[in-house]
PDB file of N, CA and C in Angstrom:
ATOM      1  N   UNK A   1       2.677   4.037 -13.714  1.00  0.00           N
ATOM      2  CA  UNK A   1       2.168   4.453 -12.421  1.00  0.00           C
ATOM      3  C   UNK A   1       3.302   4.369 -11.408  1.00  0.00           C
ATOM      4  N   UNK A   2       3.349   5.348 -10.520  1.00  0.00           N
ATOM      5  CA  UNK A   2       4.365   5.400  -9.475  1.00  0.00           C
ATOM      6  C   UNK A   2       3.778   4.850  -8.180  1.00  0.00           C
ATOM      7  N   UNK A   3       4.477   3.870  -7.593  1.00  0.00           N
ATOM      8  CA  UNK A   3       3.973   3.170  -6.412  1.00  0.00           C
ATOM      9  C   UNK A   3       4.970   3.269  -5.269  1.00  0.00           C
ATOM     10  N   UNK A   4       4.456   3.527  -4.078  1.00  0.00           N
ATOM     11  CA  UNK A   4       5.247   3.485  -2.851  1.00  0.00           C
ATOM     12  C   UNK A   4       4.814   2.250  -2.081  1.00  0.00           C
ATOM     13  N   UNK A   5       5.769   1.423  -1.664  1.00  0.00           N
ATOM     14  CA  UNK A   5       5.472   0.199  -0.916  1.00  0.00           C
ATOM     15  C   UNK A   5       5.836   0.419   0.543  1.00  0.00           C
ATOM     16  N   UNK A   6       4.870   0.202   1.429  1.00  0.00           N
ATOM     17  CA  UNK A   6       5.079   0.381   2.866  1.00  0.00           C
ATOM     18  C   UNK A   6       4.775  -0.928   3.586  1.00  0.00           C
ATOM     19  N   UNK A   7       5.836  -1.609   4.010  1.00  0.00           N
ATOM     20  CA  UNK A   7       5.702  -2.883   4.728  1.00  0.00           C
ATOM     21  C   UNK A   7       6.885  -3.017   5.668  1.00  0.00           C
ATOM     22  N   UNK A   8       6.638  -3.540   6.871  1.00  0.00           N
ATOM     23  CA  UNK A   8       7.700  -3.679   7.868  1.00  0.00           C
ATOM     24  C   UNK A   8       8.799  -4.648   7.437  1.00  0.00           C
ATOM     25  N   UNK A   9       8.433  -5.657   6.672  1.00  0.00           N
ATOM     26  CA  UNK A   9       9.393  -6.712   6.348  1.00  0.00           C
ATOM     27  C   UNK A   9      10.092  -6.460   5.014  1.00  0.00           C
ATOM     28  N   UNK A  10      11.422  -6.470   5.065  1.00  0.00           N
ATOM     29  CA  UNK A  10      12.203  -6.200   3.850  1.00  0.00           C
ATOM     30  C   UNK A  10      11.979  -7.273   2.791  1.00  0.00           C
ATOM     31  N   UNK A  11      11.783  -8.526   3.211  1.00  0.00           N
ATOM     32  CA  UNK A  11      11.546  -9.597   2.231  1.00  0.00           C
ATOM     33  C   UNK A  11      10.241  -9.386   1.478  1.00  0.00           C
ATOM     34  N   UNK A  12       9.234  -8.910   2.180  1.00  0.00           N
ATOM     35  CA  UNK A  12       7.945  -8.640   1.530  1.00  0.00           C
ATOM     36  C   UNK A  12       8.100  -7.477   0.547  1.00  0.00           C
ATOM     37  N   UNK A  13       8.790  -6.419   0.979  1.00  0.00           N
ATOM     38  CA  UNK A  13       9.015  -5.275   0.076  1.00  0.00           C
ATOM     39  C   UNK A  13       9.781  -5.709  -1.174  1.00  0.00           C
ATOM     40  N   UNK A  14      10.800  -6.537  -0.987  1.00  0.00           N
ATOM     41  CA  UNK A  14      11.594  -7.020  -2.114  1.00  0.00           C
ATOM     42  C   UNK A  14      10.726  -7.834  -3.076  1.00  0.00           C
ATOM     43  N   UNK A  15       9.925  -8.747  -2.523  1.00  0.00           N
ATOM     44  CA  UNK A  15       9.063  -9.589  -3.363  1.00  0.00           C
ATOM     45  C   UNK A  15       8.030  -8.746  -4.107  1.00  0.00           C
ATOM     46  N   UNK A  16       7.457  -7.760  -3.430  1.00  0.00           N
ATOM     47  CA  UNK A  16       6.477  -6.888  -4.081  1.00  0.00           C
ATOM     48  C   UNK A  16       7.121  -6.087  -5.202  1.00  0.00           C
ATOM     49  N   UNK A  17       8.325  -5.584  -4.964  1.00  0.00           N
ATOM     50  CA  UNK A  17       9.043  -4.833  -6.010  1.00  0.00           C
ATOM     51  C   UNK A  17       9.248  -5.711  -7.244  1.00  0.00           C
ATOM     52  N   UNK A  18       9.753  -6.924  -7.036  1.00  0.00           N
ATOM     53  CA  UNK A  18       9.992  -7.814  -8.176  1.00  0.00           C
ATOM     54  C   UNK A  18       8.701  -8.107  -8.927  1.00  0.00           C
ATOM     55  N   UNK A  19       7.676  -8.485  -8.199  1.00  0.00           N
ATOM     56  CA  UNK A  19       6.398  -8.826  -8.821  1.00  0.00           C
ATOM     57  C   UNK A  19       5.831  -7.644  -9.606  1.00  0.00           C
ATOM     58  N   UNK A  20       5.769  -6.503  -8.975  1.00  0.00           N
ATOM     59  CA  UNK A  20       5.127  -5.342  -9.593  1.00  0.00           C
ATOM     60  C   UNK A  20       5.912  -4.839 -10.802  1.00  0.00           C
ATOM     61  N   UNK A  21       7.203  -4.670 -10.650  1.00  0.00           N
ATOM     62  CA  UNK A  21       7.986  -4.118 -11.751  1.00  0.00           C
ATOM     63  C   UNK A  21       8.098  -5.084 -12.927  1.00  0.00           C
ATOM     64  N   UNK A  22       8.210  -6.380 -12.655  1.00  0.00           N
ATOM     65  CA  UNK A  22       8.342  -7.342 -13.747  1.00  0.00           C
ATOM     66  C   UNK A  22       7.018  -7.616 -14.439  1.00  0.00           C
ATOM     67  N   UNK A  23       5.926  -7.636 -13.675  1.00  0.00           N
ATOM     68  CA  UNK A  23       4.647  -8.037 -14.253  1.00  0.00           C
ATOM     69  C   UNK A  23       3.806  -6.874 -14.772  1.00  0.00           C
ATOM     70  N   UNK A  24       4.090  -5.650 -14.340  1.00  0.00           N
ATOM     71  CA  UNK A  24       3.207  -4.554 -14.724  1.00  0.00           C
ATOM     72  C   UNK A  24       3.898  -3.405 -15.439  1.00  0.00           C
ATOM     73  N   UNK A  25       5.161  -3.225 -15.208  1.00  0.00           N
ATOM     74  CA  UNK A  25       5.850  -2.070 -15.768  1.00  0.00           C
ATOM     75  C   UNK A  25       5.688  -0.826 -14.917  1.00  0.00           C
ATOM     76  N   UNK A  26       4.948  -0.906 -13.820  1.00  0.00           N
ATOM     77  CA  UNK A  26       4.834   0.213 -12.894  1.00  0.00           C
ATOM     78  C   UNK A  26       6.179   0.411 -12.206  1.00  0.00           C
ATOM     79  N   UNK A  27       6.402   1.593 -11.668  1.00  0.00           N
ATOM     80  CA  UNK A  27       7.660   1.922 -11.024  1.00  0.00           C
ATOM     81  C   UNK A  27       7.476   2.052  -9.519  1.00  0.00           C
ATOM     82  N   UNK A  28       8.319   1.360  -8.766  1.00  0.00           N
ATOM     83  CA  UNK A  28       8.342   1.523  -7.316  1.00  0.00           C
ATOM     84  C   UNK A  28       9.255   2.714  -7.041  1.00  0.00           C
ATOM     85  N   UNK A  29       8.680   3.800  -6.544  1.00  0.00           N
ATOM     86  CA  UNK A  29       9.469   5.020  -6.317  1.00  0.00           C
ATOM     87  C   UNK A  29      10.100   5.054  -4.940  1.00  0.00           C
ATOM     88  N   UNK A  30       9.566   4.257  -4.001  1.00  0.00           N
ATOM     89  CA  UNK A  30      10.129   4.222  -2.654  1.00  0.00           C
ATOM     90  C   UNK A  30       9.581   3.026  -1.904  1.00  0.00           C
ATOM     91  N   UNK A  31      10.340   2.641  -0.887  1.00  0.00           N
ATOM     92  CA  UNK A  31       9.930   1.600   0.045  1.00  0.00           C
ATOM     93  C   UNK A  31      10.171   2.139   1.446  1.00  0.00           C
ATOM     94  N   UNK A  32       9.225   1.900   2.346  1.00  0.00           N
ATOM     95  CA  UNK A  32       9.395   2.307   3.739  1.00  0.00           C
ATOM     96  C   UNK A  32       9.018   1.153   4.649  1.00  0.00           C
ATOM     97  N   UNK A  33       9.610   1.168   5.848  1.00  0.00           N
ATOM     98  CA  UNK A  33       9.381   0.095   6.812  1.00  0.00           C
ATOM     99  C   UNK A  33       8.585   0.543   8.031  1.00  0.00           C
ATOM    100  N   UNK A  34       8.225   1.836   8.081  1.00  0.00           N
ATOM    101  CA  UNK A  34       7.469   2.319   9.240  1.00  0.00           C
ATOM    102  C   UNK A  34       6.581   3.497   8.853  1.00  0.00           C
ATOM    103  N   UNK A  35       5.596   3.745   9.694  1.00  0.00           N
ATOM    104  CA  UNK A  35       4.620   4.795   9.414  1.00  0.00           C
ATOM    105  C   UNK A  35       5.247   6.186   9.453  1.00  0.00           C
ATOM    106  N   UNK A  36       6.261   6.363  10.283  1.00  0.00           N
ATOM    107  CA  UNK A  36       6.906   7.666  10.400  1.00  0.00           C
ATOM    108  C   UNK A  36       7.577   8.072   9.083  1.00  0.00           C
ATOM    109  N   UNK A  37       8.204   7.132   8.405  1.00  0.00           N
ATOM    110  CA  UNK A  37       8.872   7.416   7.131  1.00  0.00           C
ATOM    111  C   UNK A  37       7.878   7.584   5.987  1.00  0.00           C
ATOM    112  N   UNK A  38       6.707   7.032   6.147  1.00  0.00           N
ATOM    113  CA  UNK A  38       5.729   7.006   5.064  1.00  0.00           C
ATOM    114  C   UNK A  38       5.325   8.402   4.596  1.00  0.00           C
ATOM    115  N   UNK A  39       4.955   9.270   5.514  1.00  0.00           N
ATOM    116  CA  UNK A  39       4.488  10.593   5.099  1.00  0.00           C
ATOM    117  C   UNK A  39       5.603  11.409   4.450  1.00  0.00           C
ATOM    118  N   UNK A  40       6.815  11.261   4.959  1.00  0.00           N
ATOM    119  CA  UNK A  40       7.947  11.965   4.364  1.00  0.00           C
ATOM    120  C   UNK A  40       8.181  11.495   2.933  1.00  0.00           C
ATOM    121  N   UNK A  41       8.176  10.183   2.728  1.00  0.00           N
ATOM    122  CA  UNK A  41       8.413   9.630   1.391  1.00  0.00           C
ATOM    123  C   UNK A  41       7.289   9.982   0.421  1.00  0.00           C
ATOM    124  N   UNK A  42       6.074  10.067   0.923  1.00  0.00           N
ATOM    125  CA  UNK A  42       4.967  10.470   0.048  1.00  0.00           C
ATOM    126  C   UNK A  42       5.214  11.879  -0.471  1.00  0.00           C
ATOM    127  N   UNK A  43       5.601  12.786   0.416  1.00  0.00           N
ATOM    128  CA  UNK A  43       5.877  14.170  -0.004  1.00  0.00           C
ATOM    129  C   UNK A  43       7.062  14.237  -0.961  1.00  0.00           C
ATOM    130  N   UNK A  44       8.080  13.401  -0.753  1.00  0.00           N
ATOM    131  CA  UNK A  44       9.276  13.424  -1.600  1.00  0.00           C
ATOM    132  C   UNK A  44       9.038  12.828  -2.984  1.00  0.00           C
ATOM    133  N   UNK A  45       8.250  11.760  -3.051  1.00  0.00           N
ATOM    134  CA  UNK A  45       8.136  10.995  -4.299  1.00  0.00           C
ATOM    135  C   UNK A  45       6.830  11.201  -5.062  1.00  0.00           C
ATOM    136  N   UNK A  46       5.805  11.711  -4.409  1.00  0.00           N
ATOM    137  CA  UNK A  46       4.497  11.945  -5.027  1.00  0.00           C
ATOM    138  C   UNK A  46       3.980  10.726  -5.800  1.00  0.00           C
ATOM    139  N   UNK A  47       3.790   9.599  -5.112  1.00  0.00           N
ATOM    140  CA  UNK A  47       3.315   8.394  -5.805  1.00  0.00           C
ATOM    141  C   UNK A  47       1.853   8.525  -6.225  1.00  0.00           C
ATOM    142  N   UNK A  48       1.483   7.719  -7.198  1.00  0.00           N
ATOM    143  CA  UNK A  48       0.078   7.627  -7.609  1.00  0.00           C
ATOM    144  C   UNK A  48      -0.685   6.682  -6.690  1.00  0.00           C
ATOM    145  N   UNK A  49       0.045   5.716  -6.128  1.00  0.00           N
ATOM    146  CA  UNK A  49      -0.576   4.675  -5.313  1.00  0.00           C
ATOM    147  C   UNK A  49       0.361   4.288  -4.184  1.00  0.00           C
ATOM    148  N   UNK A  50      -0.213   4.046  -3.002  1.00  0.00           N
ATOM    149  CA  UNK A  50       0.540   3.517  -1.872  1.00  0.00           C
ATOM    150  C   UNK A  50       0.000   2.132  -1.567  1.00  0.00           C
ATOM    151  N   UNK A  51       0.907   1.169  -1.535  1.00  0.00           N
ATOM    152  CA  UNK A  51       0.576  -0.191  -1.137  1.00  0.00           C
ATOM    153  C   UNK A  51       0.992  -0.296   0.321  1.00  0.00           C
ATOM    154  N   UNK A  52       0.021  -0.301   1.217  1.00  0.00           N
ATOM    155  CA  UNK A  52       0.238  -0.133   2.648  1.00  0.00           C
ATOM    156  C   UNK A  52      -0.088  -1.392   3.440  1.00  0.00           C
ATOM    157  N   UNK A  53       0.884  -1.867   4.177  1.00  0.00           N
ATOM    158  CA  UNK A  53       0.648  -3.001   5.077  1.00  0.00           C
ATOM    159  C   UNK A  53      -0.244  -2.534   6.224  1.00  0.00           C
ATOM    160  N   UNK A  54      -1.300  -3.256   6.479  1.00  0.00           N
ATOM    161  CA  UNK A  54      -2.265  -2.922   7.542  1.00  0.00           C
ATOM    162  C   UNK A  54      -1.572  -2.800   8.893  1.00  0.00           C
ATOM    163  N   UNK A  55      -0.621  -3.661   9.170  1.00  0.00           N
ATOM    164  CA  UNK A  55       0.037  -3.691  10.467  1.00  0.00           C
ATOM    165  C   UNK A  55       1.224  -2.724  10.576  1.00  0.00           C
ATOM    166  N   UNK A  56       1.414  -1.846   9.602  1.00  0.00           N
ATOM    167  CA  UNK A  56       2.556  -0.938   9.600  1.00  0.00           C
ATOM    168  C   UNK A  56       2.540   0.000  10.804  1.00  0.00           C
ATOM    169  N   UNK A  57       1.380   0.485  11.144  1.00  0.00           N
ATOM    170  CA  UNK A  57       1.261   1.450  12.237  1.00  0.00           C
ATOM    171  C   UNK A  57       1.093   0.745  13.579  1.00  0.00           C
ATOM    172  N   UNK A  58       1.787   1.251  14.588  1.00  0.00           N
ATOM    173  CA  UNK A  58       1.635   0.708  15.941  1.00  0.00           C
ATOM    174  C   UNK A  58       0.371   1.250  16.592  1.00  0.00           C
ATOM    175  N   UNK A  59      -0.076   2.403  16.125  1.00  0.00           N
ATOM    176  CA  UNK A  59      -1.288   3.021  16.656  1.00  0.00           C
ATOM    177  C   UNK A  59      -2.510   2.491  15.919  1.00  0.00           C
ATOM    178  N   UNK A  60      -3.588   3.182  16.036  1.00  0.00           N
ATOM    179  CA  UNK A  60      -4.827   2.815  15.369  1.00  0.00           C
ATOM    180  C   UNK A  60      -4.606   2.783  13.857  1.00  0.00           C
ATOM    181  N   UNK A  61      -4.727   1.608  13.283  1.00  0.00           N
ATOM    182  CA  UNK A  61      -4.460   1.430  11.856  1.00  0.00           C
ATOM    183  C   UNK A  61      -5.409   2.249  10.992  1.00  0.00           C
ATOM    184  N   UNK A  62      -6.657   2.300  11.385  1.00  0.00           N
ATOM    185  CA  UNK A  62      -7.641   3.076  10.652  1.00  0.00           C
ATOM    186  C   UNK A  62      -7.321   4.558  10.659  1.00  0.00           C
ATOM    187  N   UNK A  63      -6.759   5.044  11.749  1.00  0.00           N
ATOM    188  CA  UNK A  63      -6.395   6.460  11.844  1.00  0.00           C
ATOM    189  C   UNK A  63      -5.301   6.809  10.840  1.00  0.00           C
ATOM    190  N   UNK A  64      -4.332   5.908  10.647  1.00  0.00           N
ATOM    191  CA  UNK A  64      -3.273   6.145   9.670  1.00  0.00           C
ATOM    192  C   UNK A  64      -3.865   6.268   8.262  1.00  0.00           C
ATOM    193  N   UNK A  65      -4.761   5.368   7.916  1.00  0.00           N
ATOM    194  CA  UNK A  65      -5.391   5.396   6.598  1.00  0.00           C
ATOM    195  C   UNK A  65      -6.202   6.672   6.417  1.00  0.00           C
ATOM    196  N   UNK A  66      -7.013   7.012   7.400  1.00  0.00           N
ATOM    197  CA  UNK A  66      -7.827   8.234   7.322  1.00  0.00           C
ATOM    198  C   UNK A  66      -6.956   9.469   7.158  1.00  0.00           C
ATOM    199  N   UNK A  67      -5.872   9.528   7.912  1.00  0.00           N
ATOM    200  CA  UNK A  67      -4.958  10.665   7.843  1.00  0.00           C
ATOM    201  C   UNK A  67      -4.302  10.771   6.469  1.00  0.00           C
ATOM    202  N   UNK A  68      -3.855   9.639   5.934  1.00  0.00           N
ATOM    203  CA  UNK A  68      -3.237   9.645   4.605  1.00  0.00           C
ATOM    204  C   UNK A  68      -4.217  10.109   3.539  1.00  0.00           C
ATOM    205  N   UNK A  69      -5.440   9.619   3.603  1.00  0.00           N
ATOM    206  CA  UNK A  69      -6.445  10.003   2.603  1.00  0.00           C
ATOM    207  C   UNK A  69      -6.834  11.481   2.735  1.00  0.00           C
ATOM    208  N   UNK A  70      -6.840  11.975   3.965  1.00  0.00           N
ATOM    209  CA  UNK A  70      -7.170  13.387   4.176  1.00  0.00           C
ATOM    210  C   UNK A  70      -6.054  14.294   3.648  1.00  0.00           C
ATOM    211  N   UNK A  71      -4.813  13.926   3.935  1.00  0.00           N
ATOM    212  CA  UNK A  71      -3.664  14.739   3.525  1.00  0.00           C
ATOM    213  C   UNK A  71      -3.321  14.598   2.044  1.00  0.00           C
ATOM    214  N   UNK A  72      -3.640  13.447   1.462  1.00  0.00           N
ATOM    215  CA  UNK A  72      -3.274  13.153   0.065  1.00  0.00           C
ATOM    216  C   UNK A  72      -4.447  12.487  -0.660  1.00  0.00           C
ATOM    217  N   UNK A  73      -5.539  13.206  -0.870  1.00  0.00           N
ATOM    218  CA  UNK A  73      -6.732  12.579  -1.460  1.00  0.00           C
ATOM    219  C   UNK A  73      -6.524  12.067  -2.886  1.00  0.00           C
ATOM    220  N   UNK A  74      -5.517  12.572  -3.581  1.00  0.00           N
ATOM    221  CA  UNK A  74      -5.261  12.154  -4.956  1.00  0.00           C
ATOM    222  C   UNK A  74      -4.578  10.790  -5.048  1.00  0.00           C
ATOM    223  N   UNK A  75      -4.043  10.306  -3.940  1.00  0.00           N
ATOM    224  CA  UNK A  75      -3.301   9.040  -3.945  1.00  0.00           C
ATOM    225  C   UNK A  75      -4.251   7.874  -3.708  1.00  0.00           C
ATOM    226  N   UNK A  76      -4.125   6.845  -4.537  1.00  0.00           N
ATOM    227  CA  UNK A  76      -4.870   5.615  -4.314  1.00  0.00           C
ATOM    228  C   UNK A  76      -4.163   4.834  -3.220  1.00  0.00           C
ATOM    229  N   UNK A  77      -4.935   4.267  -2.313  1.00  0.00           N
ATOM    230  CA  UNK A  77      -4.387   3.558  -1.166  1.00  0.00           C
ATOM    231  C   UNK A  77      -4.916   2.130  -1.148  1.00  0.00           C
ATOM    232  N   UNK A  78      -4.008   1.173  -1.358  1.00  0.00           N
ATOM    233  CA  UNK A  78      -4.369  -0.242  -1.341  1.00  0.00           C
ATOM    234  C   UNK A  78      -3.730  -0.860  -0.112  1.00  0.00           C
ATOM    235  N   UNK A  79      -4.550  -1.448   0.744  1.00  0.00           N
ATOM    236  CA  UNK A  79      -4.071  -2.060   1.979  1.00  0.00           C
ATOM    237  C   UNK A  79      -3.793  -3.530   1.737  1.00  0.00           C
ATOM    238  N   UNK A  80      -2.681  -3.977   2.299  1.00  0.00           N
ATOM    239  CA  UNK A  80      -2.226  -5.362   2.184  1.00  0.00           C
ATOM    240  C   UNK A  80      -2.119  -5.933   3.595  1.00  0.00           C
ATOM    241  N   UNK A  81      -2.709  -7.105   3.817  1.00  0.00           N
ATOM    242  CA  UNK A  81      -2.656  -7.694   5.151  1.00  0.00           C
ATOM    243  C   UNK A  81      -2.723  -9.210   5.098  1.00  0.00           C
ATOM    244  N   UNK A  82      -2.097  -9.822   6.072  1.00  0.00           N
ATOM    245  CA  UNK A  82      -2.197 -11.263   6.255  1.00  0.00           C
ATOM    246  C   UNK A  82      -3.459 -11.632   7.024  1.00  0.00           C
ATOM    247  N   UNK A  83      -4.195 -10.638   7.434  1.00  0.00           N
ATOM    248  CA  UNK A  83      -5.434 -10.846   8.185  1.00  0.00           C
ATOM    249  C   UNK A  83      -6.631 -10.443   7.326  1.00  0.00           C
ATOM    250  N   UNK A  84      -7.233 -11.393   6.639  1.00  0.00           N
ATOM    251  CA  UNK A  84      -8.356 -11.061   5.756  1.00  0.00           C
ATOM    252  C   UNK A  84      -9.501 -10.339   6.475  1.00  0.00           C
ATOM    253  N   UNK A  85      -9.623 -10.549   7.791  1.00  0.00           N
ATOM    254  CA  UNK A  85     -10.698  -9.884   8.535  1.00  0.00           C
ATOM    255  C   UNK A  85     -10.444  -8.387   8.712  1.00  0.00           C
ATOM    256  N   UNK A  86      -9.270  -7.892   8.323  1.00  0.00           N
ATOM    257  CA  UNK A  86      -8.967  -6.459   8.394  1.00  0.00           C
ATOM    258  C   UNK A  86      -9.589  -5.696   7.226  1.00  0.00           C
ATOM    259  N   UNK A  87     -10.070  -6.394   6.246  1.00  0.00           N
ATOM    260  CA  UNK A  87     -10.626  -5.771   5.029  1.00  0.00           C
ATOM    261  C   UNK A  87     -11.693  -4.727   5.342  1.00  0.00           C
ATOM    262  N   UNK A  88     -12.665  -5.108   6.136  1.00  0.00           N
ATOM    263  CA  UNK A  88     -13.787  -4.218   6.431  1.00  0.00           C
ATOM    264  C   UNK A  88     -13.301  -2.933   7.113  1.00  0.00           C
ATOM    265  N   UNK A  89     -12.415  -3.067   8.089  1.00  0.00           N
ATOM    266  CA  UNK A  89     -11.905  -1.897   8.808  1.00  0.00           C
ATOM    267  C   UNK A  89     -11.074  -0.998   7.896  1.00  0.00           C
ATOM    268  N   UNK A  90     -10.264  -1.601   7.029  1.00  0.00           N
ATOM    269  CA  UNK A  90      -9.418  -0.816   6.113  1.00  0.00           C
ATOM    270  C   UNK A  90     -10.280  -0.017   5.139  1.00  0.00           C
ATOM    271  N   UNK A  91     -11.275  -0.643   4.571  1.00  0.00           N
ATOM    272  CA  UNK A  91     -12.151   0.043   3.622  1.00  0.00           C
ATOM    273  C   UNK A  91     -12.981   1.118   4.317  1.00  0.00           C
ATOM    274  N   UNK A  92     -13.427   0.833   5.533  1.00  0.00           N
ATOM    275  CA  UNK A  92     -14.195   1.819   6.297  1.00  0.00           C
ATOM    276  C   UNK A  92     -13.345   3.044   6.612  1.00  0.00           C
ATOM    277  N   UNK A  93     -12.049   2.833   6.845  1.00  0.00           N
ATOM    278  CA  UNK A  93     -11.146   3.941   7.161  1.00  0.00           C
ATOM    279  C   UNK A  93     -10.804   4.788   5.949  1.00  0.00           C
ATOM    280  N   UNK A  94     -11.102   4.282   4.736  1.00  0.00           N
ATOM    281  CA  UNK A  94     -10.875   5.081   3.537  1.00  0.00           C
ATOM    282  C   UNK A  94      -9.956   4.459   2.500  1.00  0.00           C
ATOM    283  N   UNK A  95      -9.478   3.242   2.739  1.00  0.00           N
ATOM    284  CA  UNK A  95      -8.655   2.570   1.734  1.00  0.00           C
ATOM    285  C   UNK A  95      -9.465   2.391   0.454  1.00  0.00           C
ATOM    286  N   UNK A  96      -8.785   2.497  -0.673  1.00  0.00           N
ATOM    287  CA  UNK A  96      -9.460   2.311  -1.952  1.00  0.00           C
ATOM    288  C   UNK A  96      -9.669   0.843  -2.284  1.00  0.00           C
ATOM    289  N   UNK A  97      -8.785   0.004  -1.761  1.00  0.00           N
ATOM    290  CA  UNK A  97      -8.911  -1.436  -2.008  1.00  0.00           C
ATOM    291  C   UNK A  97      -8.127  -2.189  -0.955  1.00  0.00           C
ATOM    292  N   UNK A  98      -8.317  -3.495  -0.936  1.00  0.00           N
ATOM    293  CA  UNK A  98      -7.685  -4.368   0.059  1.00  0.00           C
ATOM    294  C   UNK A  98      -7.261  -5.655  -0.619  1.00  0.00           C
ATOM    295  N   UNK A  99      -6.057  -6.121  -0.285  1.00  0.00           N
ATOM    296  CA  UNK A  99      -5.567  -7.398  -0.792  1.00  0.00           C
ATOM    297  C   UNK A  99      -5.048  -8.201   0.396  1.00  0.00           C
ATOM    298  N   UNK A 100      -5.489  -9.427   0.498  1.00  0.00           N
ATOM    299  CA  UNK A 100      -4.980 -10.314   1.535  1.00  0.00           C
ATOM    300  C   UNK A 100      -3.646 -10.901   1.070  1.00  0.00           C
ATOM    301  N   UNK A 101      -2.717 -11.062   2.001  1.00  0.00           N
ATOM    302  CA  UNK A 101      -1.422 -11.646   1.653  1.00  0.00           C
ATOM    303  C   UNK A 101      -1.548 -13.113   1.261  1.00  0.00           C
ATOM    304  N   UNK A 102      -2.701 -13.711   1.524  1.00  0.00           N
ATOM    305  CA  UNK A 102      -2.909 -15.103   1.110  1.00  0.00           C
ATOM    306  C   UNK A 102      -3.572 -15.192  -0.269  1.00  0.00           C
ATOM    307  N   UNK A 103      -3.984 -14.048  -0.824  1.00  0.00           N
ATOM    308  CA  UNK A 103      -4.538 -14.034  -2.180  1.00  0.00           C
ATOM    309  C   UNK A 103      -3.436 -14.370  -3.186  1.00  0.00           C
ATOM    310  N   UNK A 104      -3.790 -14.935  -4.321  1.00  0.00           N
ATOM    311  CA  UNK A 104      -2.784 -15.166  -5.358  1.00  0.00           C
ATOM    312  C   UNK A 104      -2.231 -13.834  -5.868  1.00  0.00           C
ATOM    313  N   UNK A 105      -0.977 -13.810  -6.297  1.00  0.00           N
ATOM    314  CA  UNK A 105      -0.370 -12.567  -6.795  1.00  0.00           C
ATOM    315  C   UNK A 105      -1.177 -11.906  -7.912  1.00  0.00           C
ATOM    316  N   UNK A 106      -1.875 -12.701  -8.705  1.00  0.00           N
ATOM    317  CA  UNK A 106      -2.674 -12.138  -9.796  1.00  0.00           C
ATOM    318  C   UNK A 106      -3.743 -11.177  -9.298  1.00  0.00           C
ATOM    319  N   UNK A 107      -4.250 -11.415  -8.110  1.00  0.00           N
ATOM    320  CA  UNK A 107      -5.269 -10.506  -7.539  1.00  0.00           C
ATOM    321  C   UNK A 107      -4.658  -9.125  -7.301  1.00  0.00           C
ATOM    322  N   UNK A 108      -3.473  -9.082  -6.717  1.00  0.00           N
ATOM    323  CA  UNK A 108      -2.808  -7.803  -6.489  1.00  0.00           C
ATOM    324  C   UNK A 108      -2.525  -7.104  -7.829  1.00  0.00           C
ATOM    325  N   UNK A 109      -2.025  -7.842  -8.796  1.00  0.00           N
ATOM    326  CA  UNK A 109      -1.722  -7.251 -10.097  1.00  0.00           C
ATOM    327  C   UNK A 109      -2.970  -6.702 -10.775  1.00  0.00           C
ATOM    328  N   UNK A 110      -4.077  -7.429 -10.670  1.00  0.00           N
ATOM    329  CA  UNK A 110      -5.328  -6.981 -11.251  1.00  0.00           C
ATOM    330  C   UNK A 110      -5.775  -5.663 -10.612  1.00  0.00           C
ATOM    331  N   UNK A 111      -5.661  -5.575  -9.303  1.00  0.00           N
ATOM    332  CA  UNK A 111      -6.058  -4.359  -8.608  1.00  0.00           C
ATOM    333  C   UNK A 111      -5.157  -3.204  -9.012  1.00  0.00           C
ATOM    334  N   UNK A 112      -3.858  -3.425  -9.008  1.00  0.00           N
ATOM    335  CA  UNK A 112      -2.916  -2.355  -9.373  1.00  0.00           C
ATOM    336  C   UNK A 112      -3.175  -1.872 -10.797  1.00  0.00           C
ATOM    337  N   UNK A 113      -3.409  -2.792 -11.703  1.00  0.00           N
ATOM    338  CA  UNK A 113      -3.657  -2.409 -13.099  1.00  0.00           C
ATOM    339  C   UNK A 113      -4.982  -1.666 -13.280  1.00  0.00           C
ATOM    340  N   UNK A 114      -5.909  -1.840 -12.355  1.00  0.00           N
ATOM    341  CA  UNK A 114      -7.182  -1.131 -12.460  1.00  0.00           C
ATOM    342  C   UNK A 114      -7.047   0.362 -12.170  1.00  0.00           C
ATOM    343  N   UNK A 115      -5.923   0.777 -11.601  1.00  0.00           N
ATOM    344  CA  UNK A 115      -5.708   2.195 -11.266  1.00  0.00           C
ATOM    345  C   UNK A 115      -4.910   2.937 -12.323  1.00  0.00           C
ATOM    346  N   UNK A 116      -4.612   2.334 -13.437  1.00  0.00           N
ATOM    347  CA  UNK A 116      -3.835   3.004 -14.479  1.00  0.00           C
ATOM    348  C   UNK A 116      -4.546   4.183 -15.061  1.00  0.00           C
TER     349      UNK A 116
END
């Protein structure tokens, strides 16, 4: 599976790359640090799944998710956040799944593997 990681923090992107590639065999095709780069990279890399930080967008976070799902309905969208209370809003906006940054790494791996 081809995955695009979108998170503002380079350390988080690095950790996610290591975890995902070592534990699952999935391929990280791109990493982005802002919402503006996200749509361009999606068109360039055609990922199967986007792992999207909830706080990536400065604007309405739900609008970013809705727009991505409308423009790329074939892509699975998993939202990642340090704010567990964002789950309801992310799913309502169209995210396929949600992972809290405080969840154990196994939860993220289980979700990613469910999209194979």
